């Protein structure tokens, strides 16, 4: 008999314990070969002083089992408490968030009966790196970090996922018409890797019109791969137009660990009332089963779940006059699924996960070479609420040690010197760009001399950003205007 796989289990908060109990009952009845190892997360862990929502022994369990099935948790309001999901994703390197969305028409109401869309979201960086600063009285900053390695892994994963699951097309969402470097890197990586998968069609959409198309004609898409923030937003849009956010599950996958969960929250308003739909967590658990190579169990359980939906056995969130034959609670829904093990739907599409093969394995990373880095200048950000653009330009352009002359001043990204549009609103943070003449070498000593001159001039420097070329490629953006 195949050995049982250790799985770390967290019952969570709110409706979490109810839907986890129901999910584990369904897994056990279907023959899942898992060995649950329960840990405490969420409110109890926060209240015990663990600001990430997870005690040290919980980390020990996760590193031992490398598989985590987690019910929803509640993060306390107020500062000082970290998101458990973000902490786990970063701590365990769970770079890929995968959210399947499929219509269960006509049993779950949707305008898009043919919807069958998977969103693959980068899970660790982008604006969700969480690096923010207040730089002046008027201006706060959030850094959007996008790495070559991060782009490579998530794009490769999306194409490998499509190949492993018989998907026909992968679509990239980005905003590289505006963020030409960060989103541009993502789009270029997509184009470069896509050619290695000739059997899979590929295309690209700007994220705003792409999101509108998900809401209007989601059947247009098959697999979407995108950056962290965009993926978070469009995942909920896709789940909602599929019929119910409460039905969707997700996986968070890394090279050695993985976490599986429902995408909804802990719903404390209905906790303990036997009302919650366990389908979201169950769908996360089905993804877990395929990840650990128990595809035959996943097939059996998924079809029993579909048969239950088709037979009109519904919890309150999806109940309807037209198709509900029996309005049930959490426990009764799980019992109905268990009763239908071995059965398949007749109207909804039968699921088959194929042979057991375990999680997707990425080939070794092979990044293309990049040109030699060359320092060519610096952006100096200063705070002043009393100076004008013209006055600042006059002052900075006459500073000594001008191996890097002032070439531009901007305010909130719009150029305001040497020419200012009178309609441009300015705040108290100014960016002064200094660039060496073409081909001239710049050293850290030049940077230090320039900043010393700023200091002697009484200018309040709040931030600097070195400017580089990488080979012949410019490593910094130009400004509007």
Protein backbone atom coordinates (compact mmCIF):
# COMPACT_ATOMS: atom_id res chain seq x y z
CA UNK A 1 0.00 0.00 0.00
CA UNK A 2 1.25 3.49 -0.90
CA UNK A 3 2.61 5.41 2.08
CA UNK A 4 0.55 8.23 3.50
CA UNK A 5 1.84 11.75 2.81
CA UNK A 6 2.32 14.05 5.83
CA UNK A 7 0.29 17.25 5.39
CA UNK A 8 0.30 20.26 7.72
CA UNK A 9 -3.28 21.26 8.54
CA UNK A 10 -4.55 24.57 9.96
CA UNK A 11 -8.20 24.85 10.98
CA UNK A 12 -8.08 28.65 10.95
CA UNK A 13 -10.66 31.11 12.28
CA UNK A 14 -14.32 31.93 11.73
CA UNK A 15 -15.83 29.30 9.46
CA UNK A 16 -12.40 27.70 9.08
CA UNK A 17 -12.84 24.85 11.58
CA UNK A 18 -16.21 23.85 10.07
CA UNK A 19 -15.09 23.76 6.46
CA UNK A 20 -11.78 22.08 7.33
CA UNK A 21 -13.59 19.33 9.24
CA UNK A 22 -15.92 18.79 6.28
CA UNK A 23 -13.04 18.81 3.79
CA UNK A 24 -10.98 16.29 5.75
CA UNK A 25 -14.03 14.01 6.01
CA UNK A 26 -14.46 14.11 2.23
CA UNK A 27 -10.74 13.49 1.65
CA UNK A 28 -10.73 10.52 4.01
CA UNK A 29 -13.85 8.98 2.48
CA UNK A 30 -12.39 9.37 -1.03
CA UNK A 31 -9.29 7.44 -0.01
CA UNK A 32 -6.77 10.29 0.18
CA UNK A 33 -3.50 8.91 1.53
CA UNK A 34 -2.53 11.78 3.81
CA UNK A 35 -1.32 12.01 7.39
CA UNK A 36 -2.64 15.28 8.91
CA UNK A 37 -0.34 17.23 11.23
CA UNK A 38 -2.34 20.01 12.88
CA UNK A 39 -0.83 23.39 13.75
CA UNK A 40 -2.31 26.56 15.22
CA UNK A 41 -2.45 29.69 13.07
CA UNK A 42 -4.44 32.90 12.96
CA UNK A 43 -6.04 34.69 15.87
CA UNK A 44 -4.84 32.34 18.58
CA UNK A 45 -1.25 32.59 17.34
CA UNK A 46 -1.45 36.39 17.01
CA UNK A 47 -2.85 36.69 20.54
CA UNK A 48 -0.03 34.47 21.83
CA UNK A 49 2.42 37.09 20.61
CA UNK A 50 3.40 35.66 17.23
CA UNK A 51 3.06 38.73 14.99
CA UNK A 52 3.10 36.70 11.77
CA UNK A 53 0.19 34.52 12.93
CA UNK A 54 2.31 31.37 13.09
CA UNK A 55 4.26 29.92 16.04
CA UNK A 56 7.82 28.52 15.61
CA UNK A 57 6.56 24.95 15.88
CA UNK A 58 4.27 25.69 12.94
CA UNK A 59 7.28 26.59 10.81
CA UNK A 60 8.91 23.33 11.90
CA UNK A 61 5.91 21.38 10.68
CA UNK A 62 5.79 23.20 7.34
CA UNK A 63 9.46 22.60 6.68
CA UNK A 64 9.01 18.94 7.57
CA UNK A 65 5.89 18.17 5.51
CA UNK A 66 6.30 20.84 2.78
CA UNK A 67 2.54 20.62 2.14
CA UNK A 68 0.08 22.99 3.83
CA UNK A 69 -3.73 22.81 3.69
CA UNK A 70 -4.99 25.98 5.35
CA UNK A 71 -8.47 27.18 6.24
CA UNK A 72 -9.18 30.95 6.25
CA UNK A 73 -7.81 33.00 9.14
CA UNK A 74 -8.57 36.38 10.69
CA UNK A 75 -5.78 38.96 10.94
CA UNK A 76 -6.36 41.39 13.85
CA UNK A 77 -7.03 45.01 12.96
CA UNK A 78 -4.37 47.62 13.63
CA UNK A 79 -0.63 47.83 13.16
CA UNK A 80 1.97 45.31 14.21
CA UNK A 81 0.33 42.24 12.68
CA UNK A 82 1.75 40.72 9.50
CA UNK A 83 -0.28 38.89 6.87
CA UNK A 84 0.22 35.16 7.44
CA UNK A 85 -0.27 34.41 3.75
CA UNK A 86 2.37 36.93 2.66
CA UNK A 87 4.77 35.69 5.36
CA UNK A 88 4.37 32.05 4.29
CA UNK A 89 4.65 32.85 0.58
CA UNK A 90 7.90 34.72 1.11
CA UNK A 91 9.29 32.46 3.85
CA UNK A 92 8.78 29.26 1.88
CA UNK A 93 9.38 30.69 -1.60
CA UNK A 94 5.85 30.04 -2.89
CA UNK A 95 6.32 31.99 -6.10
CA UNK A 96 3.26 30.80 -8.07
CA UNK A 97 -0.35 31.41 -7.10
CA UNK A 98 -2.70 29.32 -9.25
CA UNK A 99 -6.45 29.97 -9.29
CA UNK A 100 -8.70 27.92 -11.59
CA UNK A 101 -12.13 29.38 -12.39
CA UNK A 102 -14.78 27.29 -14.11
CA UNK A 103 -18.49 27.91 -14.63
CA UNK A 104 -20.93 25.38 -13.13
CA UNK A 105 -23.78 26.50 -15.36
CA UNK A 106 -26.69 26.29 -14.88
CA UNK A 107 -26.45 25.18 -11.25
CA UNK A 108 -24.39 28.18 -10.15
CA UNK A 109 -25.62 31.41 -11.72
CA UNK A 110 -23.25 32.97 -14.27
CA UNK A 111 -23.52 34.94 -17.51
CA UNK A 112 -20.63 32.92 -18.95
CA UNK A 113 -21.48 29.19 -19.08
CA UNK A 114 -18.34 28.32 -21.06
CA UNK A 115 -15.88 30.02 -18.68
CA UNK A 116 -12.83 27.86 -17.91
CA UNK A 117 -9.93 30.10 -16.97
CA UNK A 118 -6.78 29.62 -14.88
CA UNK A 119 -4.88 32.60 -13.49
CA UNK A 120 -1.19 32.12 -12.69
CA UNK A 121 0.00 35.02 -10.53
CA UNK A 122 3.52 35.92 -9.47
CA UNK A 123 3.38 35.66 -5.70
CA UNK A 124 6.44 37.23 -4.06
CA UNK A 125 7.44 40.58 -5.51
CA UNK A 126 5.98 43.54 -7.46
CA UNK A 127 4.27 46.12 -5.21
CA UNK A 128 3.54 43.31 -2.75
CA UNK A 129 7.19 43.36 -1.72
CA UNK A 130 5.73 45.80 0.82
CA UNK A 131 8.58 48.33 0.74
CA UNK A 132 7.11 51.77 1.46
CA UNK A 133 8.48 55.07 2.72
CA UNK A 134 7.21 58.53 3.52
CA UNK A 135 9.85 60.72 1.89
CA UNK A 136 8.50 64.22 2.47
CA UNK A 137 5.49 65.90 4.05
CA UNK A 138 3.55 65.42 0.81
CA UNK A 139 4.89 62.24 -0.77
CA UNK A 140 4.86 58.55 0.13
CA UNK A 141 6.43 55.85 -2.00
CA UNK A 142 5.84 52.14 -2.66
CA UNK A 143 8.61 50.33 -4.52
CA UNK A 144 7.60 48.05 -7.38
CA UNK A 145 10.28 45.38 -7.48
CA UNK A 146 10.37 43.01 -10.44
CA UNK A 147 13.31 40.64 -10.88
CA UNK A 148 14.54 38.67 -13.85
CA UNK A 149 14.41 35.50 -11.73
CA UNK A 150 10.86 36.21 -10.58
CA UNK A 151 9.65 36.77 -14.14
CA UNK A 152 11.48 33.69 -15.42
CA UNK A 153 9.98 31.35 -12.81
CA UNK A 154 6.37 32.45 -13.06
CA UNK A 155 6.24 32.65 -16.85
CA UNK A 156 7.93 29.26 -17.17
CA UNK A 157 5.51 27.81 -14.62
CA UNK A 158 2.51 29.12 -16.59
CA UNK A 159 3.65 27.45 -19.80
CA UNK A 160 4.56 24.20 -18.00
CA UNK A 161 1.14 24.26 -16.31
CA UNK A 162 -0.56 24.75 -19.67
CA UNK A 163 1.41 21.90 -21.22
CA UNK A 164 0.75 19.52 -18.30
CA UNK A 165 -2.97 20.26 -18.27
CA UNK A 166 -3.67 20.28 -21.99
CA UNK A 167 -4.35 24.03 -22.16
CA UNK A 168 -4.33 25.69 -25.55
CA UNK A 169 -3.16 29.27 -24.87
CA UNK A 170 -1.26 31.41 -22.35
CA UNK A 171 -1.98 35.16 -22.17
CA UNK A 172 0.28 37.74 -20.53
CA UNK A 173 -1.26 40.73 -18.73
CA UNK A 174 0.98 43.75 -18.07
CA UNK A 175 1.00 47.54 -18.16
CA UNK A 176 4.22 47.96 -20.10
CA UNK A 177 2.88 50.86 -22.14
CA UNK A 178 3.40 52.90 -18.93
CA UNK A 179 5.82 50.91 -16.75
CA UNK A 180 8.22 50.12 -19.56
CA UNK A 181 10.97 48.70 -17.38
CA UNK A 182 9.22 46.62 -14.68
CA UNK A 183 6.23 45.42 -16.68
CA UNK A 184 8.40 45.60 -19.79
CA UNK A 185 10.75 43.01 -18.28
CA UNK A 186 7.78 40.74 -17.56
CA UNK A 187 6.43 41.03 -21.12
CA UNK A 188 9.87 40.47 -22.70
CA UNK A 189 10.38 37.38 -20.54
CA UNK A 190 6.99 36.07 -21.65
CA UNK A 191 7.86 36.56 -25.32
CA UNK A 192 11.29 34.94 -24.90
CA UNK A 193 10.04 31.85 -23.06
CA UNK A 194 6.88 31.45 -25.12
CA UNK A 195 8.78 30.47 -28.25
CA UNK A 196 9.97 27.33 -26.44
CA UNK A 197 6.36 26.08 -26.35
CA UNK A 198 5.29 26.13 -30.02
CA UNK A 199 2.25 23.96 -29.39
CA UNK A 200 0.77 26.60 -27.05
CA UNK A 201 -0.69 29.80 -28.50
CA UNK A 202 0.23 33.04 -26.73
CA UNK A 203 -0.83 36.66 -26.71
CA UNK A 204 -0.54 39.80 -24.58
CA UNK A 205 -3.07 42.31 -23.27
CA UNK A 206 -2.64 45.56 -21.40
CA UNK A 207 -4.08 44.77 -17.96
CA UNK A 208 -6.86 47.37 -17.91
CA UNK A 209 -8.56 46.28 -21.13
CA UNK A 210 -7.69 42.66 -20.31
CA UNK A 211 -9.56 42.92 -17.00
CA UNK A 212 -12.53 44.44 -18.81
CA UNK A 213 -12.54 41.47 -21.18
CA UNK A 214 -12.52 39.02 -18.24
CA UNK A 215 -15.67 40.75 -17.02
CA UNK A 216 -17.26 40.81 -20.48
CA UNK A 217 -16.05 37.77 -22.42
CA UNK A 218 -13.87 35.55 -20.18
CA UNK A 219 -14.20 32.63 -22.61
CA UNK A 220 -11.57 34.48 -24.66
CA UNK A 221 -8.89 33.38 -22.20
CA UNK A 222 -7.45 30.03 -21.16
CA UNK A 223 -4.40 30.58 -18.90
CA UNK A 224 -3.40 34.11 -17.84
CA UNK A 225 0.01 34.84 -16.33
CA UNK A 226 0.62 38.19 -14.69
CA UNK A 227 2.33 40.18 -11.96
CA UNK A 228 1.36 40.07 -8.30
CA UNK A 229 -1.04 43.02 -7.88
CA UNK A 230 -2.78 42.52 -11.21
CA UNK A 231 -3.15 38.82 -10.48
CA UNK A 232 -4.73 39.47 -7.11
CA UNK A 233 -7.35 41.75 -8.67
CA UNK A 234 -8.22 39.73 -11.75
CA UNK A 235 -8.44 36.49 -9.75
CA UNK A 236 -11.38 37.86 -7.78
CA UNK A 237 -12.97 39.28 -10.94
CA UNK A 238 -12.71 35.89 -12.64
CA UNK A 239 -14.06 34.01 -9.60
CA UNK A 240 -17.02 36.37 -9.34
CA UNK A 241 -18.02 36.18 -13.00
CA UNK A 242 -17.67 32.38 -12.79
CA UNK A 243 -20.47 32.46 -10.23
CA UNK A 244 -19.11 32.66 -6.71
CA UNK A 245 -15.88 33.74 -5.01
CA UNK A 246 -16.82 31.31 -2.24
CA UNK A 247 -16.40 28.29 -4.54
CA UNK A 248 -12.83 28.92 -5.67
CA UNK A 249 -9.66 27.32 -4.35
CA UNK A 250 -6.04 28.17 -4.98
CA UNK A 251 -2.55 26.78 -4.72
CA UNK A 252 0.62 28.62 -3.74
CA UNK A 253 3.50 26.64 -5.15
CA UNK A 254 7.26 26.85 -4.70
CA UNK A 255 10.16 24.68 -5.74
CA UNK A 256 10.00 22.63 -2.53
CA UNK A 257 6.82 23.63 -0.64
CA UNK A 258 3.17 24.34 -1.46
CA UNK A 259 0.11 25.79 0.30
CA UNK A 260 -3.52 25.10 -0.64
CA UNK A 261 -6.55 27.10 0.47
CA UNK A 262 -9.88 28.69 -0.38
CA UNK A 263 -9.68 32.23 -1.74
CA UNK A 264 -12.42 33.58 0.55
CA UNK A 265 -12.08 34.94 4.07
CA UNK A 266 -13.04 33.63 7.50
CA UNK A 267 -16.64 34.99 7.42
CA UNK A 268 -17.01 35.40 11.20
CA UNK A 269 -20.65 36.51 10.80
CA UNK A 270 -21.72 32.94 9.94
CA UNK A 271 -19.13 31.05 12.00
CA UNK A 272 -20.49 28.13 14.03
CA UNK A 273 -23.87 28.16 12.25
CA UNK A 274 -23.31 25.22 9.87
CA UNK A 275 -23.98 27.52 6.90
CA UNK A 276 -20.62 27.80 5.13
CA UNK A 277 -19.92 26.24 1.76
CA UNK A 278 -16.79 24.05 2.03
CA UNK A 279 -16.31 23.98 -1.76
CA UNK A 280 -13.55 26.59 -1.88
CA UNK A 281 -11.35 24.68 0.56
CA UNK A 282 -12.27 21.39 -1.10
CA UNK A 283 -11.14 22.76 -4.46
CA UNK A 284 -7.86 23.80 -2.85
CA UNK A 285 -7.55 20.27 -1.45
CA UNK A 286 -8.14 18.79 -4.91
CA UNK A 287 -5.19 20.81 -6.17
CA UNK A 288 -3.18 19.45 -3.25
CA UNK A 289 -4.03 15.88 -4.24
CA UNK A 290 -2.73 16.37 -7.77
CA UNK A 291 0.39 18.07 -6.39
CA UNK A 292 1.23 15.03 -4.25
CA UNK A 293 0.48 12.62 -7.07
CA UNK A 294 -2.90 11.28 -5.91
CA UNK A 295 -4.70 12.15 -9.13
CA UNK A 296 -7.04 9.18 -9.00
CA UNK A 297 -8.38 10.32 -5.62
CA UNK A 298 -8.77 13.87 -6.90
CA UNK A 299 -10.72 12.61 -9.94
CA UNK A 300 -13.07 10.53 -7.78
CA UNK A 301 -13.72 13.31 -5.27
CA UNK A 302 -14.06 16.09 -7.83
CA UNK A 303 -16.68 14.16 -9.83
CA UNK A 304 -18.64 13.36 -6.66
CA UNK A 305 -18.62 17.09 -5.82
CA UNK A 306 -19.87 17.97 -9.31
CA UNK A 307 -22.58 15.32 -9.04
CA UNK A 308 -23.69 16.84 -5.73
CA UNK A 309 -23.95 20.30 -7.31
CA UNK A 310 -25.77 18.83 -10.30
CA UNK A 311 -28.25 17.00 -8.03
CA UNK A 312 -29.23 20.34 -6.50
CA UNK A 313 -27.69 19.75 -3.05
CA UNK A 314 -26.69 23.34 -2.34
CA UNK A 315 -25.56 25.53 0.54
CA UNK A 316 -27.26 28.89 0.92
CA UNK A 317 -24.70 30.91 -1.05
CA UNK A 318 -25.53 29.12 -4.32
CA UNK A 319 -29.13 28.03 -3.67
CA UNK A 320 -31.72 28.95 -6.31
CA UNK A 321 -35.40 28.28 -6.92
CA UNK A 322 -34.63 26.80 -10.32
CA UNK A 323 -32.00 24.20 -9.44
CA UNK A 324 -31.81 23.63 -5.67
CA UNK A 325 -33.54 20.43 -4.59
CA UNK A 326 -32.17 20.42 -1.05
CA UNK A 327 -30.88 23.42 0.92
CA UNK A 328 -28.16 22.08 3.24
CA UNK A 329 -25.50 23.22 5.67
CA UNK A 330 -21.79 22.51 5.76
CA UNK A 331 -21.95 19.02 7.31
CA UNK A 332 -24.83 17.81 5.17
CA UNK A 333 -23.14 19.05 2.00
CA UNK A 334 -20.01 17.05 2.86
CA UNK A 335 -22.15 13.99 3.58
CA UNK A 336 -23.87 14.37 0.20
CA UNK A 337 -20.50 14.48 -1.59
CA UNK A 338 -19.34 11.37 0.28
CA UNK A 339 -22.57 9.58 -0.64
CA UNK A 340 -21.85 10.24 -4.34
CA UNK A 341 -18.26 8.97 -4.39
CA UNK A 342 -17.90 6.74 -7.44
CA UNK A 343 -20.53 8.71 -9.37
CA UNK A 344 -20.02 11.29 -12.10
CA UNK A 345 -22.11 14.21 -13.33
CA UNK A 346 -24.24 13.81 -16.43
CA UNK A 347 -24.67 17.45 -17.46
CA UNK A 348 -21.58 19.08 -16.02
CA UNK A 349 -18.28 18.06 -17.60
CA UNK A 350 -16.68 15.01 -16.00
CA UNK A 351 -13.19 15.60 -14.63
CA UNK A 352 -10.18 13.36 -15.19
CA UNK A 353 -6.78 14.26 -13.77
CA UNK A 354 -4.99 11.50 -15.66
CA UNK A 355 -2.09 9.54 -14.28
CA UNK A 356 -0.44 10.48 -11.03
CA UNK A 357 2.68 12.54 -11.72
CA UNK A 358 3.02 14.97 -8.80
CA UNK A 359 3.69 18.69 -8.98
CA UNK A 360 5.13 20.62 -11.91
CA UNK A 361 8.92 20.56 -12.02
CA UNK A 362 10.67 23.51 -13.64
CA UNK A 363 13.89 23.07 -15.61
CA UNK A 364 17.03 24.81 -14.28
CA UNK A 365 16.90 28.57 -14.70
CA UNK A 366 18.86 29.83 -17.70
CA UNK A 367 18.79 33.62 -17.74
CA UNK A 368 20.12 35.42 -20.82
CA UNK A 369 23.32 37.44 -20.31
CA UNK A 370 23.02 41.12 -19.50
CA UNK A 371 25.38 43.93 -20.45
CA UNK A 372 28.02 45.29 -18.10
CA UNK A 373 26.68 47.80 -15.58
CA UNK A 374 28.01 51.34 -16.00
CA UNK A 375 27.30 54.26 -13.64
CA UNK A 376 26.28 57.36 -15.63
CA UNK A 377 24.51 59.65 -13.17
CA UNK A 378 22.18 60.10 -10.25
CA UNK A 379 18.66 61.23 -9.40
CA UNK A 380 18.65 63.37 -6.26
CA UNK A 381 15.30 63.83 -4.52
CA UNK A 382 14.96 66.86 -2.26
CA UNK A 383 12.18 68.23 -0.07
CA UNK A 384 11.18 71.89 -0.25
CA UNK A 385 7.74 73.50 -0.04
CA UNK A 386 9.05 77.06 -0.49
CA UNK A 387 11.14 76.90 -3.67
CA UNK A 388 9.90 77.08 -7.26
CA UNK A 389 11.08 74.90 -10.11
CA UNK A 390 12.93 77.82 -11.70
CA UNK A 391 14.61 78.78 -8.43
CA UNK A 392 15.65 75.20 -7.76
CA UNK A 393 17.01 74.84 -11.28
CA UNK A 394 19.08 77.99 -10.94
CA UNK A 395 20.47 76.84 -7.60
CA UNK A 396 21.30 73.24 -8.53
CA UNK A 397 22.67 74.00 -12.00
CA UNK A 398 25.36 76.24 -10.47
CA UNK A 399 26.57 73.76 -7.83
CA UNK A 400 30.31 72.98 -7.99
CA UNK A 401 31.75 69.57 -8.96
CA UNK A 402 29.49 69.34 -12.01
CA UNK A 403 31.01 66.26 -13.65
CA UNK A 404 27.34 65.33 -13.90
CA UNK A 405 25.45 68.49 -14.93
CA UNK A 406 21.79 68.97 -14.07
CA UNK A 407 19.72 67.84 -17.05
CA UNK A 408 16.18 67.86 -15.69
CA UNK A 409 14.01 68.46 -12.63
CA UNK A 410 10.71 66.62 -12.23
CA UNK A 411 7.86 66.72 -9.73
CA UNK A 412 5.70 63.61 -9.34
CA UNK A 413 7.28 62.26 -12.54
CA UNK A 414 6.48 65.29 -14.72
CA UNK A 415 9.38 67.40 -16.01
CA UNK A 416 9.24 70.97 -14.59
CA UNK A 417 12.72 72.28 -15.49
CA UNK A 418 14.18 73.63 -17.74
CA UNK A 419 10.61 74.27 -18.91
CA UNK A 420 7.48 74.19 -16.72
CA UNK A 421 3.93 73.81 -18.00
CA UNK A 422 1.97 76.37 -15.96
CA UNK A 423 -0.84 73.86 -15.33
CA UNK A 424 1.44 71.31 -13.61
CA UNK A 425 0.77 71.01 -9.88
CA UNK A 426 3.93 70.71 -7.81
CA UNK A 427 4.34 69.21 -4.32
CA UNK A 428 7.24 69.38 -1.90
CA UNK A 429 9.37 66.60 -3.42
CA UNK A 430 11.61 67.37 -6.39
CA UNK A 431 13.79 65.03 -8.42
CA UNK A 432 16.99 66.50 -9.85
CA UNK A 433 18.60 64.37 -12.56
CA UNK A 434 22.33 64.60 -13.13
CA UNK A 435 23.89 62.81 -16.11
CA UNK A 436 27.49 62.69 -17.26
CA UNK A 437 28.25 63.67 -20.85
CA UNK A 438 27.95 60.74 -23.23
CA UNK A 439 30.71 58.23 -22.68
CA UNK A 440 32.12 59.91 -19.56
CA UNK A 441 32.90 57.74 -16.57
CA UNK A 442 31.19 58.40 -13.23
CA UNK A 443 32.55 57.15 -9.93
CA UNK A 444 31.18 56.90 -6.41
CA UNK A 445 33.56 59.73 -5.54
CA UNK A 446 31.75 61.93 -8.09
CA UNK A 447 28.43 61.01 -6.46
CA UNK A 448 29.76 61.84 -3.01
CA UNK A 449 31.14 65.20 -4.19
CA UNK A 450 27.83 66.14 -5.74
CA UNK A 451 25.86 65.24 -2.62
CA UNK A 452 28.34 67.20 -0.52
CA UNK A 453 27.63 70.23 -2.73
CA UNK A 454 23.87 69.73 -2.15
CA UNK A 455 24.52 69.68 1.58
CA UNK A 456 26.62 72.86 1.52
CA UNK A 457 23.85 74.57 -0.47
CA UNK A 458 21.35 73.78 2.29
CA UNK A 459 19.22 71.49 0.14
CA UNK A 460 17.33 68.75 2.01
CA UNK A 461 18.14 65.45 0.24
CA UNK A 462 15.57 62.74 1.09
CA UNK A 463 16.57 60.05 -1.40
CA UNK A 464 19.01 59.23 -4.19
CA UNK A 465 18.89 56.73 -7.03
CA UNK A 466 21.98 55.87 -9.08
CA UNK A 467 21.53 55.77 -12.86
CA UNK A 468 23.11 52.96 -14.87
CA UNK A 469 23.48 51.62 -18.35
CA UNK A 470 23.64 47.85 -18.81
CA UNK A 471 25.64 47.42 -21.96
CA UNK A 472 23.82 49.66 -24.42
CA UNK A 473 20.50 49.46 -22.55
CA UNK A 474 19.42 52.42 -20.45
CA UNK A 475 18.56 51.31 -16.93
CA UNK A 476 16.30 54.23 -15.97
CA UNK A 477 13.12 55.81 -17.24
CA UNK A 478 12.61 59.16 -18.90
CA UNK A 479 9.96 61.58 -17.64
CA UNK A 480 6.65 62.77 -18.98
CA UNK A 481 7.31 66.04 -20.73
